[in-house]
Amino acid sequence: PAHSSEAPGIANISGHDSETSAANECAAAGMMPRLLWSLF
């Protein structure tokens, strides 16, 4: 959803769901691609 009932601060937005899933499935990825997954 484009909006949430609670507007979290930037630092509190969790990027773990899809980033962690992608990283776990792509075991060969090093630190740079993992950082980029998390950043985007």
Full PDB file with SEQRES, HELIX, SHEET, SSBOND, CRYST1, ORIGX, SCALE, CONECT and MASTER records, all heavy atoms in Angstrom:
SEQRES   1 A   40  PRO ALA HIS SER SER GLU ALA PRO GLY ILE ALA ASN ILE          
SEQRES   2 A   40  SER GLY HIS ASP SER GLU THR SER ALA ALA ASN GLU CYS          
SEQRES   3 A   40  ALA ALA ALA GLY MET MET PRO ARG LEU LEU TRP SER LEU          
SEQRES   4 A   40  PHE                                                          
HELIX    1 AA1 ILE A   10  ASN A   12  5                                   3    
HELIX    2 AA2 HIS A   16  GLU A   25  1                                  10    
HELIX    3 AA3 MET A   31  LEU A   39  1                                   9    
CRYST1    1.000    1.000    1.000  90.00  90.00  90.00 P 1           1          
ORIGX1      1.000000  0.000000  0.000000        0.00000                         
ORIGX2      0.000000  1.000000  0.000000        0.00000                         
ORIGX3      0.000000  0.000000  1.000000        0.00000                         
SCALE1      1.000000  0.000000  0.000000        0.00000                         
SCALE2      0.000000  1.000000  0.000000        0.00000                         
SCALE3      0.000000  0.000000  1.000000        0.00000                         
ATOM      1  N   PRO A   1       0.828  -1.198   0.000  1.00  0.00           N  
ATOM      2  CA  PRO A   1       0.000   0.000   0.000  1.00  0.00           C  
ATOM      3  C   PRO A   1       0.859   1.244   0.000  1.00  0.00           C  
ATOM      4  O   PRO A   1       1.943   1.280   0.584  1.00  0.00           O  
ATOM      5  CB  PRO A   1      -0.801  -0.128   1.310  1.00  0.00           C  
ATOM      6  CG  PRO A   1      -0.017  -1.071   2.159  1.00  0.00           C  
ATOM      7  CD  PRO A   1       0.650  -2.021   1.202  1.00  0.00           C  
ATOM      8  N   ALA A   2       0.370   2.267  -0.697  1.00  0.00           N  
ATOM      9  CA  ALA A   2       1.149   3.505  -0.825  1.00  0.00           C  
ATOM     10  C   ALA A   2       1.224   4.265   0.480  1.00  0.00           C  
ATOM     11  O   ALA A   2       2.122   5.050   0.702  1.00  0.00           O  
ATOM     12  CB  ALA A   2       0.534   4.387  -1.909  1.00  0.00           C  
ATOM     13  N   HIS A   3       0.256   4.046   1.383  1.00  0.00           N  
ATOM     14  CA  HIS A   3       0.228   4.795   2.632  1.00  0.00           C  
ATOM     15  C   HIS A   3      -0.015   3.843   3.789  1.00  0.00           C  
ATOM     16  O   HIS A   3      -0.642   2.793   3.653  1.00  0.00           O  
ATOM     17  CB  HIS A   3      -0.866   5.872   2.597  1.00  0.00           C  
ATOM     18  CG  HIS A   3      -0.665   6.855   1.487  1.00  0.00           C  
ATOM     19  ND1 HIS A   3       0.276   7.847   1.549  1.00  0.00           N  
ATOM     20  CD2 HIS A   3      -1.285   6.984   0.291  1.00  0.00           C  
ATOM     21  CE1 HIS A   3       0.229   8.568   0.436  1.00  0.00           C  
ATOM     22  NE2 HIS A   3      -0.714   8.050  -0.345  1.00  0.00           N  
ATOM     23  N   SER A   4       0.457   4.243   4.943  1.00  0.00           N  
ATOM     24  CA  SER A   4       0.280   3.441   6.144  1.00  0.00           C  
ATOM     25  C   SER A   4      -0.386   4.305   7.196  1.00  0.00           C  
ATOM     26  O   SER A   4      -0.214   5.518   7.214  1.00  0.00           O  
ATOM     27  CB  SER A   4       1.645   2.943   6.650  1.00  0.00           C  
ATOM     28  OG  SER A   4       1.503   2.343   7.918  1.00  0.00           O  
ATOM     29  N   SER A   5      -1.144   3.669   8.100  1.00  0.00           N  
ATOM     30  CA  SER A   5      -1.778   4.430   9.160  1.00  0.00           C  
ATOM     31  C   SER A   5      -0.749   5.040  10.080  1.00  0.00           C  
ATOM     32  O   SER A   5      -0.998   6.047  10.718  1.00  0.00           O  
ATOM     33  CB  SER A   5      -2.727   3.520   9.958  1.00  0.00           C  
ATOM     34  OG  SER A   5      -2.007   2.419  10.491  1.00  0.00           O  
ATOM     35  N   GLU A   6       0.419   4.416  10.172  1.00  0.00           N  
ATOM     36  CA  GLU A   6       1.523   4.973  10.927  1.00  0.00           C  
ATOM     37  C   GLU A   6       2.629   5.279   9.951  1.00  0.00           C  
ATOM     38  O   GLU A   6       3.080   4.416   9.216  1.00  0.00           O  
ATOM     39  CB  GLU A   6       2.029   3.977  11.975  1.00  0.00           C  
ATOM     40  CG  GLU A   6       1.016   3.674  13.064  1.00  0.00           C  
ATOM     41  CD  GLU A   6       1.607   2.767  14.120  1.00  0.00           C  
ATOM     42  OE1 GLU A   6       2.818   2.508  14.055  1.00  0.00           O  
ATOM     43  OE2 GLU A   6       0.860   2.317  14.993  1.00  0.00           O  
ATOM     44  N   ALA A   7       3.088   6.535   9.935  1.00  0.00           N  
ATOM     45  CA  ALA A   7       4.146   6.940   9.015  1.00  0.00           C  
ATOM     46  C   ALA A   7       5.479   6.799   9.717  1.00  0.00           C  
ATOM     47  O   ALA A   7       5.862   7.645  10.516  1.00  0.00           O  
ATOM     48  CB  ALA A   7       3.939   8.390   8.570  1.00  0.00           C  
ATOM     49  N   PRO A   8       6.218   5.702   9.496  1.00  0.00           N  
ATOM     50  CA  PRO A   8       7.485   5.492  10.190  1.00  0.00           C  
ATOM     51  C   PRO A   8       8.562   6.415   9.659  1.00  0.00           C  
ATOM     52  O   PRO A   8       8.503   6.882   8.533  1.00  0.00           O  
ATOM     53  CB  PRO A   8       7.827   4.021   9.873  1.00  0.00           C  
ATOM     54  CG  PRO A   8       7.155   3.779   8.558  1.00  0.00           C  
ATOM     55  CD  PRO A   8       5.905   4.615   8.560  1.00  0.00           C  
ATOM     56  N   GLY A   9       9.554   6.670  10.499  1.00  0.00           N  
ATOM     57  CA  GLY A   9      10.686   7.454  10.044  1.00  0.00           C  
ATOM     58  C   GLY A   9      11.528   6.639   9.093  1.00  0.00           C  
ATOM     59  O   GLY A   9      11.457   5.414   9.048  1.00  0.00           O  
ATOM     60  N   ILE A  10      12.372   7.314   8.321  1.00  0.00           N  
ATOM     61  CA  ILE A  10      13.192   6.640   7.315  1.00  0.00           C  
ATOM     62  C   ILE A  10      14.051   5.552   7.944  1.00  0.00           C  
ATOM     63  O   ILE A  10      14.158   4.442   7.437  1.00  0.00           O  
ATOM     64  CB  ILE A  10      14.076   7.658   6.581  1.00  0.00           C  
ATOM     65  CG1 ILE A  10      13.206   8.540   5.691  1.00  0.00           C  
ATOM     66  CG2 ILE A  10      15.135   6.962   5.735  1.00  0.00           C  
ATOM     67  CD1 ILE A  10      13.990   9.614   4.980  1.00  0.00           C  
ATOM     68  N   ALA A  11      14.674   5.868   9.066  1.00  0.00           N  
ATOM     69  CA  ALA A  11      15.599   4.911   9.681  1.00  0.00           C  
ATOM     70  C   ALA A  11      14.879   3.689  10.236  1.00  0.00           C  
ATOM     71  O   ALA A  11      15.497   2.663  10.475  1.00  0.00           O  
ATOM     72  CB  ALA A  11      16.392   5.595  10.800  1.00  0.00           C  
ATOM     73  N   ASN A  12      13.544   3.796  10.443  1.00  0.00           N  
ATOM     74  CA  ASN A  12      12.809   2.691  11.045  1.00  0.00           C  
ATOM     75  C   ASN A  12      12.115   1.805  10.029  1.00  0.00           C  
ATOM     76  O   ASN A  12      11.451   0.843  10.391  1.00  0.00           O  
ATOM     77  CB  ASN A  12      11.761   3.244  12.023  1.00  0.00           C  
ATOM     78  CG  ASN A  12      12.417   3.941  13.194  1.00  0.00           C  
ATOM     79  OD1 ASN A  12      13.470   3.521  13.650  1.00  0.00           O  
ATOM     80  ND2 ASN A  12      11.812   5.023  13.664  1.00  0.00           N  
ATOM     81  N   ILE A  13      12.245   2.147   8.736  1.00  0.00           N  
ATOM     82  CA  ILE A  13      11.598   1.323   7.708  1.00  0.00           C  
ATOM     83  C   ILE A  13      12.392   0.033   7.556  1.00  0.00           C  
ATOM     84  O   ILE A  13      13.589   0.051   7.305  1.00  0.00           O  
ATOM     85  CB  ILE A  13      11.520   2.070   6.377  1.00  0.00           C  
ATOM     86  CG1 ILE A  13      10.475   3.160   6.492  1.00  0.00           C  
ATOM     87  CG2 ILE A  13      11.233   1.119   5.245  1.00  0.00           C  
ATOM     88  CD1 ILE A  13       9.704   3.459   5.262  1.00  0.00           C  
ATOM     89  N   SER A  14      11.736  -1.093   7.711  1.00  0.00           N  
ATOM     90  CA  SER A  14      12.436  -2.372   7.615  1.00  0.00           C  
ATOM     91  C   SER A  14      12.612  -2.770   6.169  1.00  0.00           C  
ATOM     92  O   SER A  14      11.673  -2.778   5.398  1.00  0.00           O  
ATOM     93  CB  SER A  14      11.634  -3.455   8.351  1.00  0.00           C  
ATOM     94  OG  SER A  14      12.213  -4.714   8.126  1.00  0.00           O  
ATOM     95  N   GLY A  15      13.862  -3.115   5.810  1.00  0.00           N  
ATOM     96  CA  GLY A  15      14.123  -3.597   4.465  1.00  0.00           C  
ATOM     97  C   GLY A  15      14.447  -5.068   4.456  1.00  0.00           C  
ATOM     98  O   GLY A  15      15.057  -5.565   3.531  1.00  0.00           O  
ATOM     99  N   HIS A  16      14.049  -5.772   5.488  1.00  0.00           N  
ATOM    100  CA  HIS A  16      14.513  -7.144   5.634  1.00  0.00           C  
ATOM    101  C   HIS A  16      13.685  -8.168   4.865  1.00  0.00           C  
ATOM    102  O   HIS A  16      14.198  -9.212   4.523  1.00  0.00           O  
ATOM    103  CB  HIS A  16      14.548  -7.528   7.121  1.00  0.00           C  
ATOM    104  CG  HIS A  16      15.600  -6.812   7.884  1.00  0.00           C  
ATOM    105  ND1 HIS A  16      16.872  -7.310   8.045  1.00  0.00           N  
ATOM    106  CD2 HIS A  16      15.600  -5.610   8.502  1.00  0.00           C  
ATOM    107  CE1 HIS A  16      17.594  -6.460   8.749  1.00  0.00           C  
ATOM    108  NE2 HIS A  16      16.842  -5.433   9.040  1.00  0.00           N  
ATOM    109  N   ASP A  17      12.400  -7.878   4.608  1.00  0.00           N  
ATOM    110  CA  ASP A  17      11.552  -8.916   4.048  1.00  0.00           C  
ATOM    111  C   ASP A  17      12.041  -9.414   2.699  1.00  0.00           C  
ATOM    112  O   ASP A  17      12.525 -10.518   2.565  1.00  0.00           O  
ATOM    113  CB  ASP A  17      10.113  -8.393   3.921  1.00  0.00           C  
ATOM    114  CG  ASP A  17       9.523  -8.100   5.294  1.00  0.00           C  
ATOM    115  OD1 ASP A  17      10.055  -8.661   6.265  1.00  0.00           O  
ATOM    116  OD2 ASP A  17       8.556  -7.342   5.366  1.00  0.00           O  
ATOM    117  N   SER A  18      11.928  -8.580   1.646  1.00  0.00           N  
ATOM    118  CA  SER A  18      12.312  -9.039   0.321  1.00  0.00           C  
ATOM    119  C   SER A  18      13.813  -9.084   0.154  1.00  0.00           C  
ATOM    120  O   SER A  18      14.345  -9.905  -0.571  1.00  0.00           O  
ATOM    121  CB  SER A  18      11.688  -8.123  -0.747  1.00  0.00           C  
ATOM    122  OG  SER A  18      12.087  -6.794  -0.543  1.00  0.00           O  
ATOM    123  N   GLU A  19      14.530  -8.191   0.846  1.00  0.00           N  
ATOM    124  CA  GLU A  19      15.986  -8.184   0.732  1.00  0.00           C  
ATOM    125  C   GLU A  19      16.579  -9.457   1.306  1.00  0.00           C  
ATOM    126  O   GLU A  19      17.434 -10.096   0.711  1.00  0.00           O  
ATOM    127  CB  GLU A  19      16.547  -6.948   1.454  1.00  0.00           C  
ATOM    128  CG  GLU A  19      18.074  -6.931   1.566  1.00  0.00           C  
ATOM    129  CD  GLU A  19      18.546  -7.465   2.898  1.00  0.00           C  
ATOM    130  OE1 GLU A  19      17.909  -7.195   3.910  1.00  0.00           O  
ATOM    131  OE2 GLU A  19      19.564  -8.165   2.914  1.00  0.00           O  
ATOM    132  N   THR A  20      16.099  -9.857   2.480  1.00  0.00           N  
ATOM    133  CA  THR A  20      16.611 -11.071   3.097  1.00  0.00           C  
ATOM    134  C   THR A  20      16.232 -12.289   2.272  1.00  0.00           C  
ATOM    135  O   THR A  20      17.024 -13.216   2.098  1.00  0.00           O  
ATOM    136  CB  THR A  20      16.060 -11.210   4.527  1.00  0.00           C  
ATOM    137  OG1 THR A  20      16.446 -10.057   5.281  1.00  0.00           O  
ATOM    138  CG2 THR A  20      16.609 -12.451   5.199  1.00  0.00           C  
ATOM    139  N   SER A  21      15.022 -12.317   1.729  1.00  0.00           N  
ATOM    140  CA  SER A  21      14.583 -13.436   0.902  1.00  0.00           C  
ATOM    141  C   SER A  21      15.470 -13.576  -0.322  1.00  0.00           C  
ATOM    142  O   SER A  21      15.924 -14.667  -0.660  1.00  0.00           O  
ATOM    143  CB  SER A  21      13.130 -13.227   0.477  1.00  0.00           C  
ATOM    144  OG  SER A  21      12.727 -14.242  -0.400  1.00  0.00           O  
ATOM    145  N   ALA A  22      15.749 -12.445  -1.008  1.00  0.00           N  
ATOM    146  CA  ALA A  22      16.599 -12.488  -2.193  1.00  0.00           C  
ATOM    147  C   ALA A  22      18.001 -12.943  -1.844  1.00  0.00           C  
ATOM    148  O   ALA A  22      18.595 -13.765  -2.527  1.00  0.00           O  
ATOM    149  CB  ALA A  22      16.632 -11.116  -2.851  1.00  0.00           C  
ATOM    150  N   ALA A  23      18.533 -12.405  -0.752  1.00  0.00           N  
ATOM    151  CA  ALA A  23      19.900 -12.748  -0.361  1.00  0.00           C  
ATOM    152  C   ALA A  23      20.011 -14.216   0.011  1.00  0.00           C  
ATOM    153  O   ALA A  23      20.986 -14.886  -0.337  1.00  0.00           O  
ATOM    154  CB  ALA A  23      20.347 -11.864   0.806  1.00  0.00           C  
ATOM    155  N   ASN A  24      19.010 -14.731   0.736  1.00  0.00           N  
ATOM    156  CA  ASN A  24      19.058 -16.129   1.139  1.00  0.00           C  
ATOM    157  C   ASN A  24      18.992 -17.063  -0.058  1.00  0.00           C  
ATOM    158  O   ASN A  24      19.610 -18.123  -0.074  1.00  0.00           O  
ATOM    159  CB  ASN A  24      17.903 -16.436   2.101  1.00  0.00           C  
ATOM    160  CG  ASN A  24      18.134 -15.849   3.479  1.00  0.00           C  
ATOM    161  OD1 ASN A  24      19.263 -15.518   3.828  1.00  0.00           O  
ATOM    162  ND2 ASN A  24      17.076 -15.710   4.244  1.00  0.00           N  
ATOM    163  N   GLU A  25      18.217 -16.681  -1.080  1.00  0.00           N  
ATOM    164  CA  GLU A  25      18.077 -17.538  -2.244  1.00  0.00           C  
ATOM    165  C   GLU A  25      19.275 -17.424  -3.171  1.00  0.00           C  
ATOM    166  O   GLU A  25      19.537 -18.339  -3.960  1.00  0.00           O  
ATOM    167  CB  GLU A  25      16.792 -17.171  -2.992  1.00  0.00           C  
ATOM    168  CG  GLU A  25      15.529 -17.524  -2.221  1.00  0.00           C  
ATOM    169  CD  GLU A  25      14.292 -17.339  -3.063  1.00  0.00           C  
ATOM    170  OE1 GLU A  25      14.293 -17.784  -4.221  1.00  0.00           O  
ATOM    171  OE2 GLU A  25      13.327 -16.749  -2.568  1.00  0.00           O  
ATOM    172  N   CYS A  26      19.987 -16.327  -3.133  1.00  0.00           N  
ATOM    173  CA  CYS A  26      21.157 -16.125  -3.988  1.00  0.00           C  
ATOM    174  C   CYS A  26      22.409 -16.234  -3.122  1.00  0.00           C  
ATOM    175  O   CYS A  26      23.029 -15.233  -2.771  1.00  0.00           O  
ATOM    176  CB  CYS A  26      21.072 -14.764  -4.677  1.00  0.00           C  
ATOM    177  SG  CYS A  26      22.247 -14.579  -6.038  1.00  0.00           S  
ATOM    178  N   ALA A  27      22.764 -17.455  -2.768  1.00  0.00           N  
ATOM    179  CA  ALA A  27      23.830 -17.684  -1.801  1.00  0.00           C  
ATOM    180  C   ALA A  27      25.184 -17.221  -2.293  1.00  0.00           C  
ATOM    181  O   ALA A  27      26.080 -16.924  -1.495  1.00  0.00           O  
ATOM    182  CB  ALA A  27      23.888 -19.178  -1.449  1.00  0.00           C  
ATOM    183  N   ALA A  28      25.389 -17.136  -3.634  1.00  0.00           N  
ATOM    184  CA  ALA A  28      26.696 -16.776  -4.178  1.00  0.00           C  
ATOM    185  C   ALA A  28      26.976 -15.284  -4.081  1.00  0.00           C  
ATOM    186  O   ALA A  28      28.109 -14.850  -4.282  1.00  0.00           O  
ATOM    187  CB  ALA A  28      26.781 -17.207  -5.643  1.00  0.00           C  
ATOM    188  N   ALA A  29      25.961 -14.479  -3.766  1.00  0.00           N  
ATOM    189  CA  ALA A  29      26.127 -13.018  -3.752  1.00  0.00           C  
ATOM    190  C   ALA A  29      27.048 -12.574  -2.628  1.00  0.00           C  
ATOM    191  O   ALA A  29      26.951 -13.041  -1.494  1.00  0.00           O  
ATOM    192  CB  ALA A  29      24.768 -12.347  -3.609  1.00  0.00           C  
ATOM    193  N   GLY A  30      27.949 -11.646  -2.964  1.00  0.00           N  
ATOM    194  CA  GLY A  30      28.861 -11.091  -1.978  1.00  0.00           C  
ATOM    195  C   GLY A  30      28.265  -9.890  -1.273  1.00  0.00           C  
ATOM    196  O   GLY A  30      27.075  -9.615  -1.343  1.00  0.00           O  
ATOM    197  N   MET A  31      29.141  -9.122  -0.596  1.00  0.00           N  
ATOM    198  CA  MET A  31      28.670  -8.009   0.222  1.00  0.00           C  
ATOM    199  C   MET A  31      28.064  -6.890  -0.622  1.00  0.00           C  
ATOM    200  O   MET A  31      27.044  -6.296  -0.251  1.00  0.00           O  
ATOM    201  CB  MET A  31      29.811  -7.457   1.078  1.00  0.00           C  
ATOM    202  CG  MET A  31      30.488  -8.494   1.980  1.00  0.00           C  
ATOM    203  SD  MET A  31      29.367  -9.412   3.071  1.00  0.00           S  
ATOM    204  CE  MET A  31      29.284 -11.016   2.230  1.00  0.00           C  
ATOM    205  N   MET A  32      28.658  -6.562  -1.760  1.00  0.00           N  
ATOM    206  CA  MET A  32      28.162  -5.446  -2.578  1.00  0.00           C  
ATOM    207  C   MET A  32      26.753  -5.689  -3.107  1.00  0.00           C  
ATOM    208  O   MET A  32      25.873  -4.833  -2.942  1.00  0.00           O  
ATOM    209  CB  MET A  32      29.137  -5.135  -3.705  1.00  0.00           C  
ATOM    210  CG  MET A  32      30.437  -4.508  -3.239  1.00  0.00           C  
ATOM    211  SD  MET A  32      31.447  -3.868  -4.588  1.00  0.00           S  
ATOM    212  CE  MET A  32      31.816  -5.365  -5.499  1.00  0.00           C  
ATOM    213  N   PRO A  33      26.464  -6.831  -3.751  1.00  0.00           N  
ATOM    214  CA  PRO A  33      25.084  -7.042  -4.199  1.00  0.00           C  
ATOM    215  C   PRO A  33      24.093  -7.116  -3.053  1.00  0.00           C  
ATOM    216  O   PRO A  33      22.949  -6.665  -3.178  1.00  0.00           O  
ATOM    217  CB  PRO A  33      25.154  -8.361  -4.983  1.00  0.00           C  
ATOM    218  CG  PRO A  33      26.441  -8.991  -4.637  1.00  0.00           C  
ATOM    219  CD  PRO A  33      27.369  -7.889  -4.267  1.00  0.00           C  
ATOM    220  N   ARG A  34      24.505  -7.646  -1.917  1.00  0.00           N  
ATOM    221  CA  ARG A  34      23.599  -7.701  -0.768  1.00  0.00           C  
ATOM    222  C   ARG A  34      23.288  -6.292  -0.254  1.00  0.00           C  
ATOM    223  O   ARG A  34      22.147  -5.980   0.118  1.00  0.00           O  
ATOM    224  CB  ARG A  34      24.198  -8.567   0.343  1.00  0.00           C  
ATOM    225  CG  ARG A  34      24.214 -10.051   0.008  1.00  0.00           C  
ATOM    226  CD  ARG A  34      25.006 -10.875   1.011  1.00  0.00           C  
ATOM    227  NE  ARG A  34      25.137 -12.238   0.516  1.00  0.00           N  
ATOM    228  CZ  ARG A  34      24.255 -13.205   0.744  1.00  0.00           C  
ATOM    229  NH1 ARG A  34      23.195 -12.969   1.496  1.00  0.00           N  
ATOM    230  NH2 ARG A  34      24.440 -14.417   0.252  1.00  0.00           N  
ATOM    231  N   LEU A  35      24.303  -5.435  -0.214  1.00  0.00           N  
ATOM    232  CA  LEU A  35      24.084  -4.045   0.190  1.00  0.00           C  
ATOM    233  C   LEU A  35      23.141  -3.343  -0.781  1.00  0.00           C  
ATOM    234  O   LEU A  35      22.257  -2.580  -0.368  1.00  0.00           O  
ATOM    235  CB  LEU A  35      25.416  -3.295   0.254  1.00  0.00           C  
ATOM    236  CG  LEU A  35      26.267  -3.528   1.506  1.00  0.00           C  
ATOM    237  CD1 LEU A  35      27.677  -2.981   1.298  1.00  0.00           C  
ATOM    238  CD2 LEU A  35      25.628  -2.855   2.710  1.00  0.00           C  
ATOM    239  N   LEU A  36      23.326  -3.594  -2.081  1.00  0.00           N  
ATOM    240  CA  LEU A  36      22.480  -2.944  -3.081  1.00  0.00           C  
ATOM    241  C   LEU A  36      21.041  -3.452  -2.987  1.00  0.00           C  
ATOM    242  O   LEU A  36      20.089  -2.672  -3.117  1.00  0.00           O  
ATOM    243  CB  LEU A  36      23.038  -3.182  -4.481  1.00  0.00           C  
ATOM    244  CG  LEU A  36      24.332  -2.422  -4.797  1.00  0.00           C  
ATOM    245  CD1 LEU A  36      24.896  -2.856  -6.136  1.00  0.00           C  
ATOM    246  CD2 LEU A  36      24.084  -0.920  -4.788  1.00  0.00           C  
ATOM    247  N   TRP A  37      20.853  -4.755  -2.764  1.00  0.00           N  
ATOM    248  CA  TRP A  37      19.501  -5.285  -2.567  1.00  0.00           C  
ATOM    249  C   TRP A  37      18.816  -4.549  -1.418  1.00  0.00           C  
ATOM    250  O   TRP A  37      17.672  -4.112  -1.521  1.00  0.00           O  
ATOM    251  CB  TRP A  37      19.548  -6.781  -2.254  1.00  0.00           C  
ATOM    252  CG  TRP A  37      19.530  -7.662  -3.465  1.00  0.00           C  
ATOM    253  CD1 TRP A  37      18.846  -7.449  -4.631  1.00  0.00           C  
ATOM    254  CD2 TRP A  37      20.227  -8.895  -3.617  1.00  0.00           C  
ATOM    255  NE1 TRP A  37      19.087  -8.476  -5.507  1.00  0.00           N  
ATOM    256  CE2 TRP A  37      19.920  -9.378  -4.921  1.00  0.00           C  
ATOM    257  CE3 TRP A  37      21.068  -9.643  -2.803  1.00  0.00           C  
ATOM    258  CZ2 TRP A  37      20.428 -10.575  -5.407  1.00  0.00           C  
ATOM    259  CZ3 TRP A  37      21.575 -10.836  -3.289  1.00  0.00           C  
ATOM    260  CH2 TRP A  37      21.257 -11.290  -4.572  1.00  0.00           C  
ATOM    261  N   SER A  38      19.546  -4.427  -0.302  1.00  0.00           N  
ATOM    262  CA  SER A  38      18.975  -3.790   0.873  1.00  0.00           C  
ATOM    263  C   SER A  38      18.683  -2.314   0.612  1.00  0.00           C  
ATOM    264  O   SER A  38      17.631  -1.797   0.988  1.00  0.00           O  
ATOM    265  CB  SER A  38      19.942  -3.938   2.058  1.00  0.00           C  
ATOM    266  OG  SER A  38      19.411  -3.333   3.219  1.00  0.00           O  
ATOM    267  N   LEU A  39      19.614  -1.625  -0.058  1.00  0.00           N  
ATOM    268  CA  LEU A  39      19.455  -0.197  -0.327  1.00  0.00           C  
ATOM    269  C   LEU A  39      18.228   0.073  -1.202  1.00  0.00           C  
ATOM    270  O   LEU A  39      17.386   0.921  -0.885  1.00  0.00           O  
ATOM    271  CB  LEU A  39      20.717   0.350  -1.003  1.00  0.00           C  
ATOM    272  CG  LEU A  39      20.676   1.821  -1.414  1.00  0.00           C  
ATOM    273  CD1 LEU A  39      20.492   2.720  -0.197  1.00  0.00           C  
ATOM    274  CD2 LEU A  39      21.962   2.196  -2.159  1.00  0.00           C  
ATOM    275  N   PHE A  40      18.110  -0.653  -2.315  1.00  0.00           N  
ATOM    276  CA  PHE A  40      16.995  -0.405  -3.225  1.00  0.00           C  
ATOM    277  C   PHE A  40      15.672  -0.885  -2.633  1.00  0.00           C  
ATOM    278  O   PHE A  40      14.614  -0.330  -2.934  1.00  0.00           O  
ATOM    279  CB  PHE A  40      17.264  -1.062  -4.581  1.00  0.00           C  
ATOM    280  CG  PHE A  40      18.176  -0.241  -5.452  1.00  0.00           C  
ATOM    281  CD1 PHE A  40      19.538  -0.487  -5.482  1.00  0.00           C  
ATOM    282  CD2 PHE A  40      17.672   0.794  -6.226  1.00  0.00           C  
ATOM    283  CE1 PHE A  40      20.386   0.269  -6.271  1.00  0.00           C  
ATOM    284  CE2 PHE A  40      18.511   1.560  -7.025  1.00  0.00           C  
ATOM    285  CZ  PHE A  40      19.867   1.305  -7.040  1.00  0.00           C  
TER     286      PHE A  40                                                      
MASTER        0    0    0    3    0    0    0    6  285    1    0    4          
END                                                                             
